[in-house]
C-alpha atoms as a PDB file:
ATOM      1  CA  MET A   1      -3.350 -26.583-189.550  1.00  0.00           C
ATOM      2  CA  ASP A   2      -0.740 -24.650-187.583  1.00  0.00           C
ATOM      3  CA  TYR A   3      -2.299 -22.253-185.065  1.00  0.00           C
ATOM      4  CA  HIS A   4       0.074 -19.446-186.044  1.00  0.00           C
ATOM      5  CA  ALA A   5      -0.662 -19.887-189.747  1.00  0.00           C
ATOM      6  CA  CYS A   6      -4.125 -18.418-189.083  1.00  0.00           C
ATOM      7  CA  MET A   7      -2.742 -15.346-187.338  1.00  0.00           C
ATOM      8  CA  SER A   8      -1.635 -12.126-188.963  1.00  0.00           C
ATOM      9  CA  THR A   9       1.882 -10.887-188.329  1.00  0.00           C
ATOM     10  CA  ARG A  10       0.456  -8.159-186.106  1.00  0.00           C
ATOM     11  CA  GLU A  11      -1.440 -10.744-184.026  1.00  0.00           C
ATOM     12  CA  ARG A  12       1.695 -12.900-183.675  1.00  0.00           C
ATOM     13  CA  LEU A  13       3.712  -9.894-182.533  1.00  0.00           C
ATOM     14  CA  LEU A  14       1.053  -9.038-179.953  1.00  0.00           C
ATOM     15  CA  GLU A  15       0.779 -12.581-178.651  1.00  0.00           C
ATOM     16  CA  HIS A  16       4.479 -13.316-178.404  1.00  0.00           C
ATOM     17  CA  GLY A  17       5.435  -9.831-177.268  1.00  0.00           C
ATOM     18  CA  THR A  18       2.989  -9.821-174.386  1.00  0.00           C
ATOM     19  CA  ARG A  19       3.930 -13.361-173.371  1.00  0.00           C
ATOM     20  CA  LEU A  20       7.659 -12.588-173.334  1.00  0.00           C
ATOM     21  CA  ILE A  21       7.147  -9.328-171.446  1.00  0.00           C
ATOM     22  CA  ALA A  22       4.847 -10.990-168.902  1.00  0.00           C
ATOM     23  CA  ASP A  23       7.424 -13.736-168.337  1.00  0.00           C
ATOM     24  CA  ARG A  24      10.607 -11.639-168.233  1.00  0.00           C
ATOM     25  CA  GLY A  25       9.627  -7.994-167.747  1.00  0.00           C
ATOM     26  CA  PHE A  26       9.446  -5.127-170.199  1.00  0.00           C
ATOM     27  CA  ALA A  27      13.078  -4.037-169.848  1.00  0.00           C
ATOM     28  CA  ASN A  28      14.372  -7.593-170.266  1.00  0.00           C
ATOM     29  CA  VAL A  29      12.832  -8.263-173.692  1.00  0.00           C
ATOM     30  CA  THR A  30      14.242  -6.833-176.904  1.00  0.00           C
ATOM     31  CA  VAL A  31      12.340  -5.985-180.056  1.00  0.00           C
ATOM     32  CA  GLY A  32      14.503  -8.557-181.836  1.00  0.00           C
ATOM     33  CA  GLU A  33      13.404 -11.285-179.425  1.00  0.00           C
ATOM     34  CA  ILE A  34       9.750 -10.407-180.012  1.00  0.00           C
ATOM     35  CA  GLU A  35      10.258 -10.464-183.779  1.00  0.00           C
ATOM     36  CA  SER A  36      12.050 -13.803-183.615  1.00  0.00           C
ATOM     37  CA  ALA A  37       9.360 -15.374-181.409  1.00  0.00           C
ATOM     38  CA  ALA A  38       6.728 -14.161-183.893  1.00  0.00           C
ATOM     39  CA  GLY A  39       8.548 -15.880-186.760  1.00  0.00           C
ATOM     40  CA  LEU A  40      10.178 -12.767-188.208  1.00  0.00           C
ATOM     41  CA  ALA A  41      13.823 -12.036-188.883  1.00  0.00           C
ATOM     42  CA  PRO A  42      15.120 -10.372-185.720  1.00  0.00           C
ATOM     43  CA  ARG A  43      16.247  -6.740-185.835  1.00  0.00           C
ATOM     44  CA  ARG A  44      15.012  -6.188-189.381  1.00  0.00           C
ATOM     45  CA  GLY A  45      12.215  -3.766-188.494  1.00  0.00           C
ATOM     46  CA  GLY A  46       9.282  -6.176-188.685  1.00  0.00           C
ATOM     47  CA  LEU A  47       7.769  -4.975-185.418  1.00  0.00           C
ATOM     48  CA  TYR A  48       8.028  -1.352-186.537  1.00  0.00           C
ATOM     49  CA  LYS A  49       5.894  -2.045-189.613  1.00  0.00           C
ATOM     50  CA  HIS A  50       2.999  -2.755-187.236  1.00  0.00           C
ATOM     51  CA  PHE A  51       3.795  -0.723-184.090  1.00  0.00           C
ATOM     52  CA  LYS A  52       5.770   2.477-183.484  1.00  0.00           C
ATOM     53  CA  SER A  53       7.598   0.872-180.563  1.00  0.00           C
ATOM     54  CA  LYS A  54       7.593  -1.924-178.021  1.00  0.00           C
ATOM     55  CA  THR A  55       5.698   0.414-175.692  1.00  0.00           C
ATOM     56  CA  VAL A  56       2.957   0.938-178.278  1.00  0.00           C
ATOM     57  CA  LEU A  57       2.687  -2.844-178.737  1.00  0.00           C
ATOM     58  CA  VAL A  58       2.055  -3.224-174.977  1.00  0.00           C
ATOM     59  CA  GLU A  59      -0.421  -0.327-174.948  1.00  0.00           C
ATOM     60  CA  HIS A  60      -2.341  -1.915-177.815  1.00  0.00           C
ATOM     61  CA  ALA A  61      -2.383  -5.310-176.106  1.00  0.00           C
ATOM     62  CA  LEU A  62      -3.716  -3.757-172.890  1.00  0.00           C
ATOM     63  CA  ALA A  63      -6.388  -1.814-174.775  1.00  0.00           C
ATOM     64  CA  GLN A  64      -7.517  -5.055-176.458  1.00  0.00           C
ATOM     65  CA  ARG A  65      -7.762  -6.839-173.116  1.00  0.00           C
ATOM     66  CA  ILE A  66      -9.691  -3.979-171.512  1.00  0.00           C
ATOM     67  CA  GLU A  67     -12.115  -3.953-174.445  1.00  0.00           C
ATOM     68  CA  ARG A  68     -12.686  -7.713-174.110  1.00  0.00           C
ATOM     69  CA  LEU A  69     -13.352  -7.371-170.379  1.00  0.00           C
ATOM     70  CA  GLN A  70     -15.838  -4.578-170.987  1.00  0.00           C
ATOM     71  CA  GLN A  71     -17.645  -6.696-173.582  1.00  0.00           C
ATOM     72  CA  MET A  72     -17.958  -9.507-171.044  1.00  0.00           C
ATOM     73  CA  ARG A  73     -19.878  -7.267-168.612  1.00  0.00           C
END
């Protein structure tokens, strides 16, 4: 089974968005590139159905990581 087939669209956006931003920097990644990497049609609003903005996507990803670290303590 394909790894991404088990993931929700929101999870794919988070995973690919954070990877692209970590690799290239926030300002150097477009919403369309994140959507495309997540298997969505670029620039069709797919990201905005799950997050208000690219900034909110990053904030959510950071909050998830902080929560996981706190659970590990």
